[in-house]
Amino acid sequence: MFNVCIDCGQYRVDKEIKALGGKTFGICPECNYSHEFLQLPLFIVTGASGTGKSTSAFSLSNLSKDYVPLETDILWDNRFNTPETNYREYRELWLRTAKNISQAGKPVILCGTAMPDQLEQCVERRYFTEIYYLALVCDNKELTQRLLNRPSWRKQ
């Protein structure tokens, strides 16, 4: 929705971002149409498998309705398994999703394994004021126990 210019109809992720008078605008590089949008921060909860990201996302969803927590595994598909591009298409998809959700006035919290260099280089990054990262960790003994206690479908 957001990447399609409502004036010329072109799909462009690379809109110029300008702040004017306390408001933020995206400017279409095709026709120079300017539209206001909310440029909010994005929050990332990351960490190795088994550190508690999914549990944290579930807990966050019950704490407040002032933000939208999402577990990034819900959109994972093998077509995104592209380590040669540092999973770029998958990261762009999530930033685009978070950008559109945040237009409702609530910041998004993405819970899933991600490194700052995977997100900061994305074209969609420009639509967020800041990205805040929280990396979950736990000691090796606890992590081993958590991974061993997972159901068989998660041990693949």
N, C-alpha and C. Protein backbone atom coordinates (compact mmCIF):
# COMPACT_ATOMS: atom_id res chain seq x y z
N MET A 1 0.83 -1.20 0.00
CA MET A 1 0.00 0.00 0.00
C MET A 1 0.86 1.25 0.00
N PHE A 2 1.79 1.36 0.91
CA PHE A 2 2.58 2.57 1.09
C PHE A 2 3.54 2.83 -0.07
N ASN A 3 4.03 1.79 -0.69
CA ASN A 3 5.03 1.96 -1.75
C ASN A 3 4.42 2.34 -3.10
N VAL A 4 3.12 2.26 -3.23
CA VAL A 4 2.45 2.66 -4.48
C VAL A 4 2.08 4.14 -4.37
N CYS A 5 2.56 4.93 -5.29
CA CYS A 5 2.24 6.36 -5.29
C CYS A 5 0.76 6.56 -5.61
N ILE A 6 0.06 7.30 -4.77
CA ILE A 6 -1.37 7.50 -5.01
C ILE A 6 -1.63 8.53 -6.11
N ASP A 7 -0.57 9.18 -6.59
CA ASP A 7 -0.74 10.14 -7.67
C ASP A 7 -0.45 9.49 -9.03
N CYS A 8 0.74 8.88 -9.20
CA CYS A 8 1.10 8.32 -10.51
C CYS A 8 0.93 6.80 -10.58
N GLY A 9 0.76 6.15 -9.43
CA GLY A 9 0.53 4.71 -9.41
C GLY A 9 1.78 3.85 -9.49
N GLN A 10 2.96 4.47 -9.54
CA GLN A 10 4.20 3.71 -9.62
C GLN A 10 4.54 3.08 -8.27
N TYR A 11 5.14 1.89 -8.30
CA TYR A 11 5.61 1.20 -7.10
C TYR A 11 7.07 1.58 -6.88
N ARG A 12 7.34 2.31 -5.81
CA ARG A 12 8.70 2.76 -5.52
C ARG A 12 8.98 2.63 -4.02
N VAL A 13 9.99 1.87 -3.68
CA VAL A 13 10.39 1.76 -2.28
C VAL A 13 11.38 2.86 -1.90
N ASP A 14 11.94 3.51 -2.90
CA ASP A 14 13.02 4.46 -2.67
C ASP A 14 12.55 5.91 -2.64
N LYS A 15 11.43 6.14 -2.00
CA LYS A 15 10.94 7.52 -1.88
C LYS A 15 11.91 8.34 -1.05
N GLU A 16 12.01 9.61 -1.41
CA GLU A 16 12.82 10.53 -0.62
C GLU A 16 12.02 10.88 0.64
N ILE A 17 12.70 10.96 1.76
CA ILE A 17 12.06 11.27 3.03
C ILE A 17 12.45 12.69 3.43
N LYS A 18 11.44 13.51 3.71
CA LYS A 18 11.69 14.89 4.13
C LYS A 18 10.82 15.22 5.34
N ALA A 19 11.43 15.89 6.30
CA ALA A 19 10.72 16.37 7.47
C ALA A 19 10.48 17.87 7.29
N LEU A 20 9.23 18.28 7.39
CA LEU A 20 8.86 19.69 7.25
C LEU A 20 7.81 20.05 8.30
N GLY A 21 8.11 21.04 9.10
CA GLY A 21 7.13 21.53 10.07
C GLY A 21 6.65 20.48 11.04
N GLY A 22 7.53 19.61 11.49
CA GLY A 22 7.14 18.58 12.45
C GLY A 22 6.43 17.38 11.84
N LYS A 23 6.31 17.35 10.53
CA LYS A 23 5.68 16.22 9.83
C LYS A 23 6.71 15.59 8.90
N THR A 24 6.46 14.34 8.56
CA THR A 24 7.37 13.63 7.66
C THR A 24 6.64 13.26 6.38
N PHE A 25 7.33 13.41 5.26
CA PHE A 25 6.73 13.16 3.96
C PHE A 25 7.59 12.20 3.15
N GLY A 26 6.92 11.35 2.38
CA GLY A 26 7.58 10.52 1.39
C GLY A 26 7.32 11.14 0.03
N ILE A 27 8.38 11.31 -0.76
CA ILE A 27 8.24 11.97 -2.06
C ILE A 27 8.55 10.97 -3.16
N CYS A 28 7.61 10.78 -4.04
CA CYS A 28 7.74 9.83 -5.14
C CYS A 28 8.83 10.30 -6.10
N PRO A 29 9.81 9.45 -6.41
CA PRO A 29 10.85 9.85 -7.36
C PRO A 29 10.38 9.90 -8.80
N GLU A 30 9.20 9.37 -9.10
CA GLU A 30 8.65 9.41 -10.46
C GLU A 30 7.96 10.74 -10.76
N CYS A 31 7.09 11.17 -9.82
CA CYS A 31 6.26 12.34 -10.12
C CYS A 31 6.39 13.47 -9.09
N ASN A 32 7.21 13.26 -8.05
CA ASN A 32 7.42 14.23 -6.97
C ASN A 32 6.20 14.45 -6.08
N TYR A 33 5.22 13.55 -6.16
CA TYR A 33 4.07 13.66 -5.26
C TYR A 33 4.54 13.43 -3.83
N SER A 34 4.08 14.26 -2.93
CA SER A 34 4.48 14.20 -1.53
C SER A 34 3.29 13.77 -0.68
N HIS A 35 3.50 12.78 0.16
CA HIS A 35 2.44 12.35 1.08
C HIS A 35 2.99 12.22 2.48
N GLU A 36 2.19 12.61 3.44
CA GLU A 36 2.59 12.54 4.84
C GLU A 36 2.53 11.09 5.32
N PHE A 37 3.46 10.72 6.17
CA PHE A 37 3.40 9.41 6.81
C PHE A 37 4.02 9.50 8.20
N LEU A 38 3.71 8.52 9.01
CA LEU A 38 4.27 8.45 10.36
C LEU A 38 5.61 7.74 10.31
N GLN A 39 6.64 8.41 10.75
CA GLN A 39 7.96 7.81 10.81
C GLN A 39 8.26 7.52 12.29
N LEU A 40 8.04 6.27 12.65
CA LEU A 40 8.18 5.83 14.04
C LEU A 40 9.45 5.01 14.21
N PRO A 41 9.85 4.78 15.46
CA PRO A 41 10.97 3.87 15.67
C PRO A 41 10.53 2.42 15.46
N LEU A 42 11.50 1.56 15.28
CA LEU A 42 11.28 0.11 15.16
C LEU A 42 12.11 -0.56 16.24
N PHE A 43 11.56 -1.58 16.86
CA PHE A 43 12.24 -2.30 17.92
C PHE A 43 12.48 -3.73 17.47
N ILE A 44 13.69 -4.22 17.69
CA ILE A 44 14.07 -5.58 17.29
C ILE A 44 14.49 -6.34 18.54
N VAL A 45 13.85 -7.49 18.78
CA VAL A 45 14.27 -8.41 19.83
C VAL A 45 14.89 -9.59 19.11
N THR A 46 16.19 -9.80 19.31
CA THR A 46 16.93 -10.81 18.57
C THR A 46 17.69 -11.71 19.53
N GLY A 47 18.30 -12.73 18.99
CA GLY A 47 19.09 -13.66 19.78
C GLY A 47 19.12 -15.01 19.11
N ALA A 48 19.96 -15.88 19.63
CA ALA A 48 20.08 -17.24 19.08
C ALA A 48 18.81 -18.04 19.34
N SER A 49 18.64 -19.11 18.59
CA SER A 49 17.51 -20.01 18.83
C SER A 49 17.54 -20.49 20.28
N GLY A 50 16.39 -20.43 20.93
CA GLY A 50 16.29 -20.91 22.30
C GLY A 50 16.50 -19.88 23.38
N THR A 51 16.79 -18.63 23.03
CA THR A 51 17.04 -17.62 24.05
C THR A 51 15.78 -16.96 24.59
N GLY A 52 14.63 -17.21 23.96
CA GLY A 52 13.37 -16.68 24.49
C GLY A 52 12.70 -15.62 23.66
N LYS A 53 13.03 -15.51 22.39
CA LYS A 53 12.42 -14.48 21.55
C LYS A 53 10.91 -14.68 21.39
N SER A 54 10.49 -15.90 21.09
CA SER A 54 9.06 -16.18 20.91
C SER A 54 8.30 -15.97 22.22
N THR A 55 8.89 -16.41 23.31
CA THR A 55 8.27 -16.22 24.63
C THR A 55 8.15 -14.73 24.94
N SER A 56 9.19 -13.98 24.60
CA SER A 56 9.16 -12.53 24.83
C SER A 56 8.08 -11.86 23.99
N ALA A 57 7.96 -12.25 22.72
CA ALA A 57 6.92 -11.67 21.86
C ALA A 57 5.54 -11.94 22.43
N PHE A 58 5.33 -13.16 22.90
CA PHE A 58 4.04 -13.52 23.49
C PHE A 58 3.78 -12.67 24.74
N SER A 59 4.79 -12.54 25.60
CA SER A 59 4.64 -11.74 26.82
C SER A 59 4.39 -10.27 26.50
N LEU A 60 5.11 -9.73 25.53
CA LEU A 60 4.95 -8.32 25.17
C LEU A 60 3.54 -8.03 24.67
N SER A 61 2.95 -8.98 23.96
CA SER A 61 1.60 -8.75 23.42
C SER A 61 0.57 -8.61 24.52
N ASN A 62 0.87 -9.12 25.70
CA ASN A 62 -0.07 -9.02 26.82
C ASN A 62 0.19 -7.83 27.74
N LEU A 63 1.33 -7.18 27.58
CA LEU A 63 1.70 -6.08 28.48
C LEU A 63 1.06 -4.75 28.14
N SER A 64 0.96 -4.42 26.87
CA SER A 64 0.46 -3.11 26.46
C SER A 64 -0.08 -3.18 25.04
N LYS A 65 -1.00 -2.32 24.76
CA LYS A 65 -1.53 -2.22 23.39
C LYS A 65 -0.96 -0.99 22.68
N ASP A 66 0.15 -0.43 23.22
CA ASP A 66 0.77 0.76 22.65
C ASP A 66 1.75 0.47 21.53
N TYR A 67 1.99 -0.80 21.26
CA TYR A 67 2.89 -1.22 20.20
C TYR A 67 2.40 -2.56 19.66
N VAL A 68 2.98 -3.00 18.55
CA VAL A 68 2.56 -4.25 17.91
C VAL A 68 3.75 -5.20 17.86
N PRO A 69 3.78 -6.21 18.74
CA PRO A 69 4.86 -7.20 18.68
C PRO A 69 4.53 -8.30 17.66
N LEU A 70 5.53 -8.66 16.86
CA LEU A 70 5.35 -9.70 15.84
C LEU A 70 6.52 -10.68 15.88
N GLU A 71 6.22 -11.95 15.78
CA GLU A 71 7.23 -13.00 15.68
C GLU A 71 7.57 -13.16 14.21
N THR A 72 8.82 -12.94 13.83
CA THR A 72 9.17 -12.93 12.41
C THR A 72 9.15 -14.31 11.76
N ASP A 73 9.17 -15.35 12.55
CA ASP A 73 9.12 -16.70 11.96
C ASP A 73 7.82 -16.98 11.21
N ILE A 74 6.78 -16.19 11.45
CA ILE A 74 5.49 -16.48 10.83
C ILE A 74 5.52 -16.34 9.31
N LEU A 75 6.49 -15.60 8.78
CA LEU A 75 6.58 -15.42 7.32
C LEU A 75 7.75 -16.20 6.70
N TRP A 76 8.48 -16.95 7.52
CA TRP A 76 9.64 -17.65 6.99
C TRP A 76 9.22 -18.72 6.00
N ASP A 77 9.97 -18.81 4.92
CA ASP A 77 9.77 -19.80 3.88
C ASP A 77 11.15 -20.09 3.31
N ASN A 78 11.37 -21.27 2.82
CA ASN A 78 12.69 -21.64 2.31
C ASN A 78 13.18 -20.74 1.17
N ARG A 79 12.27 -20.08 0.47
CA ARG A 79 12.70 -19.17 -0.61
C ARG A 79 13.52 -18.00 -0.07
N PHE A 80 13.39 -17.72 1.24
CA PHE A 80 14.16 -16.65 1.86
C PHE A 80 15.51 -17.13 2.39
N ASN A 81 15.80 -18.40 2.26
CA ASN A 81 17.04 -18.97 2.77
C ASN A 81 18.19 -18.61 1.82
N THR A 82 18.60 -17.36 1.89
CA THR A 82 19.60 -16.81 0.96
C THR A 82 20.77 -16.18 1.74
N PRO A 83 21.60 -17.01 2.35
CA PRO A 83 22.74 -16.43 3.09
C PRO A 83 23.67 -15.63 2.20
N GLU A 84 23.68 -15.93 0.91
CA GLU A 84 24.57 -15.20 0.00
C GLU A 84 24.19 -13.73 -0.14
N THR A 85 22.93 -13.37 0.16
CA THR A 85 22.51 -11.97 0.14
C THR A 85 22.26 -11.45 1.56
N ASN A 86 22.69 -12.24 2.55
CA ASN A 86 22.46 -11.89 3.95
C ASN A 86 20.96 -11.79 4.25
N TYR A 87 20.17 -12.62 3.54
CA TYR A 87 18.71 -12.72 3.74
C TYR A 87 18.00 -11.39 3.44
N ARG A 88 18.52 -10.65 2.50
CA ARG A 88 18.05 -9.29 2.19
C ARG A 88 16.55 -9.23 1.86
N GLU A 89 16.06 -10.11 1.00
CA GLU A 89 14.64 -10.06 0.62
C GLU A 89 13.73 -10.27 1.83
N TYR A 90 14.13 -11.17 2.72
CA TYR A 90 13.35 -11.43 3.93
C TYR A 90 13.34 -10.20 4.85
N ARG A 91 14.48 -9.56 4.99
CA ARG A 91 14.58 -8.36 5.84
C ARG A 91 13.76 -7.21 5.25
N GLU A 92 13.83 -7.03 3.93
CA GLU A 92 13.03 -5.98 3.29
C GLU A 92 11.54 -6.24 3.49
N LEU A 93 11.13 -7.48 3.38
CA LEU A 93 9.73 -7.85 3.59
C LEU A 93 9.26 -7.45 4.99
N TRP A 94 10.09 -7.76 6.00
CA TRP A 94 9.69 -7.43 7.36
C TRP A 94 9.70 -5.92 7.61
N LEU A 95 10.65 -5.22 7.07
CA LEU A 95 10.64 -3.77 7.25
C LEU A 95 9.44 -3.14 6.56
N ARG A 96 9.10 -3.62 5.37
CA ARG A 96 7.93 -3.12 4.65
C ARG A 96 6.65 -3.41 5.44
N THR A 97 6.56 -4.59 6.01
CA THR A 97 5.39 -4.96 6.82
C THR A 97 5.30 -4.06 8.05
N ALA A 98 6.41 -3.89 8.75
CA ALA A 98 6.42 -3.04 9.95
C ALA A 98 6.09 -1.59 9.62
N LYS A 99 6.60 -1.12 8.49
CA LYS A 99 6.32 0.27 8.05
C LYS A 99 4.82 0.48 7.86
N ASN A 100 4.18 -0.46 7.19
CA ASN A 100 2.75 -0.33 6.93
C ASN A 100 1.93 -0.44 8.21
N ILE A 101 2.29 -1.35 9.09
CA ILE A 101 1.57 -1.49 10.36
C ILE A 101 1.73 -0.23 11.20
N SER A 102 2.92 0.35 11.21
CA SER A 102 3.17 1.53 12.04
C SER A 102 2.37 2.75 11.59
N GLN A 103 1.82 2.72 10.39
CA GLN A 103 0.98 3.84 9.93
C GLN A 103 -0.31 3.96 10.74
N ALA A 104 -0.62 2.94 11.53
CA ALA A 104 -1.77 3.02 12.44
C ALA A 104 -1.40 3.76 13.73
N GLY A 105 -0.15 4.23 13.83
CA GLY A 105 0.26 5.03 14.98
C GLY A 105 0.90 4.25 16.10
N LYS A 106 1.20 2.98 15.88
CA LYS A 106 1.82 2.16 16.92
C LYS A 106 3.14 1.60 16.41
N PRO A 107 4.22 1.77 17.16
CA PRO A 107 5.48 1.19 16.74
C PRO A 107 5.42 -0.33 16.76
N VAL A 108 6.26 -0.95 15.97
CA VAL A 108 6.31 -2.40 15.84
C VAL A 108 7.55 -2.94 16.56
N ILE A 109 7.38 -4.09 17.20
CA ILE A 109 8.49 -4.83 17.79
C ILE A 109 8.61 -6.13 17.01
N LEU A 110 9.73 -6.33 16.32
CA LEU A 110 9.97 -7.57 15.59
C LEU A 110 10.83 -8.48 16.45
N CYS A 111 10.32 -9.69 16.69
CA CYS A 111 11.05 -10.68 17.47
C CYS A 111 11.51 -11.79 16.55
N GLY A 112 12.82 -11.90 16.37
CA GLY A 112 13.39 -12.92 15.51
C GLY A 112 14.88 -12.68 15.34
N THR A 113 15.57 -13.68 14.87
CA THR A 113 17.01 -13.57 14.71
C THR A 113 17.33 -12.60 13.58
N ALA A 114 18.03 -11.53 13.92
CA ALA A 114 18.45 -10.53 12.93
C ALA A 114 19.64 -9.77 13.49
N MET A 115 20.54 -9.43 12.61
CA MET A 115 21.72 -8.64 12.98
C MET A 115 21.52 -7.22 12.43
N PRO A 116 22.05 -6.21 13.14
CA PRO A 116 21.89 -4.85 12.66
C PRO A 116 22.32 -4.64 11.21
N ASP A 117 23.42 -5.27 10.77
CA ASP A 117 23.88 -5.06 9.39
C ASP A 117 22.90 -5.61 8.37
N GLN A 118 22.03 -6.54 8.78
CA GLN A 118 21.03 -7.09 7.86
C GLN A 118 19.88 -6.12 7.65
N LEU A 119 19.63 -5.25 8.60
CA LEU A 119 18.51 -4.31 8.51
C LEU A 119 18.93 -2.90 8.11
N GLU A 120 20.06 -2.46 8.61
CA GLU A 120 20.49 -1.08 8.37
C GLU A 120 20.79 -0.81 6.90
N GLN A 121 21.12 -1.82 6.11
CA GLN A 121 21.43 -1.64 4.69
C GLN A 121 20.19 -1.69 3.80
N CYS A 122 19.05 -2.03 4.35
CA CYS A 122 17.83 -2.19 3.54
C CYS A 122 17.27 -0.85 3.07
N VAL A 123 16.67 -0.85 1.90
CA VAL A 123 16.03 0.34 1.35
C VAL A 123 14.89 0.79 2.27
N GLU A 124 14.15 -0.16 2.81
CA GLU A 124 13.00 0.17 3.66
C GLU A 124 13.41 0.78 5.00
N ARG A 125 14.68 0.71 5.36
CA ARG A 125 15.17 1.25 6.63
C ARG A 125 14.86 2.74 6.77
N ARG A 126 14.86 3.46 5.66
CA ARG A 126 14.68 4.91 5.67
C ARG A 126 13.35 5.37 6.28
N TYR A 127 12.41 4.46 6.39
CA TYR A 127 11.07 4.83 6.86
C TYR A 127 10.92 4.79 8.38
N PHE A 128 12.00 4.51 9.11
CA PHE A 128 11.97 4.48 10.57
C PHE A 128 12.92 5.51 11.13
N THR A 129 12.51 6.18 12.20
CA THR A 129 13.38 7.18 12.82
C THR A 129 14.63 6.52 13.38
N GLU A 130 14.46 5.45 14.11
CA GLU A 130 15.55 4.71 14.73
C GLU A 130 15.18 3.24 14.72
N ILE A 131 16.19 2.39 14.81
CA ILE A 131 15.95 0.98 15.09
C ILE A 131 16.71 0.66 16.36
N TYR A 132 15.98 0.16 17.35
CA TYR A 132 16.56 -0.21 18.63
C TYR A 132 16.65 -1.73 18.70
N TYR A 133 17.82 -2.22 19.10
CA TYR A 133 18.07 -3.65 19.14
C TYR A 133 18.23 -4.13 20.58
N LEU A 134 17.59 -5.24 20.89
CA LEU A 134 17.76 -5.91 22.16
C LEU A 134 18.10 -7.36 21.86
N ALA A 135 19.30 -7.79 22.25
CA ALA A 135 19.73 -9.16 22.00
C ALA A 135 19.56 -9.98 23.27
N LEU A 136 18.76 -11.04 23.18
CA LEU A 136 18.56 -11.93 24.31
C LEU A 136 19.66 -12.97 24.35
N VAL A 137 20.13 -13.26 25.54
CA VAL A 137 21.15 -14.28 25.74
C VAL A 137 20.80 -15.10 26.98
N CYS A 138 21.37 -16.28 27.07
CA CYS A 138 21.28 -17.06 28.30
C CYS A 138 22.53 -17.92 28.39
N ASP A 139 22.81 -18.45 29.57
CA ASP A 139 24.04 -19.23 29.70
C ASP A 139 23.93 -20.53 28.91
N ASN A 140 25.07 -21.11 28.57
CA ASN A 140 25.13 -22.29 27.70
C ASN A 140 24.35 -23.47 28.26
N LYS A 141 24.41 -23.69 29.54
CA LYS A 141 23.68 -24.82 30.15
C LYS A 141 22.17 -24.65 29.96
N GLU A 142 21.68 -23.47 30.24
CA GLU A 142 20.25 -23.19 30.07
C GLU A 142 19.84 -23.30 28.60
N LEU A 143 20.64 -22.75 27.72
CA LEU A 143 20.34 -22.81 26.29
C LEU A 143 20.29 -24.26 25.80
N THR A 144 21.25 -25.06 26.19
CA THR A 144 21.26 -26.48 25.81
C THR A 144 20.00 -27.17 26.29
N GLN A 145 19.61 -26.92 27.53
CA GLN A 145 18.41 -27.55 28.08
C GLN A 145 17.15 -27.12 27.33
N ARG A 146 17.06 -25.85 27.01
CA ARG A 146 15.89 -25.35 26.26
C ARG A 146 15.80 -26.00 24.88
N LEU A 147 16.93 -26.09 24.20
CA LEU A 147 16.93 -26.69 22.87
C LEU A 147 16.60 -28.19 22.92
N LEU A 148 17.10 -28.89 23.93
CA LEU A 148 16.81 -30.32 24.07
C LEU A 148 15.34 -30.57 24.42
N ASN A 149 14.72 -29.63 25.10
CA ASN A 149 13.32 -29.78 25.52
C ASN A 149 12.31 -29.39 24.45
N ARG A 150 12.78 -28.90 23.32
CA ARG A 150 11.86 -28.51 22.24
C ARG A 150 11.16 -29.74 21.67
N PRO A 151 9.94 -29.54 21.16
CA PRO A 151 9.27 -30.66 20.47
C PRO A 151 10.04 -31.06 19.22
N SER A 152 9.85 -32.27 18.76
CA SER A 152 10.64 -32.81 17.65
C SER A 152 10.53 -31.97 16.38
N TRP A 153 9.37 -31.36 16.11
CA TRP A 153 9.22 -30.57 14.88
C TRP A 153 10.12 -29.34 14.88
N ARG A 154 10.54 -28.88 16.06
CA ARG A 154 11.39 -27.69 16.14
C ARG A 154 12.87 -28.04 16.12
N LYS A 155 13.22 -29.31 16.11
CA LYS A 155 14.62 -29.72 16.14
C LYS A 155 15.18 -29.96 14.77
N GLN A 156 14.48 -29.60 13.74
CA GLN A 156 14.94 -29.84 12.38
C GLN A 156 16.07 -28.96 11.98
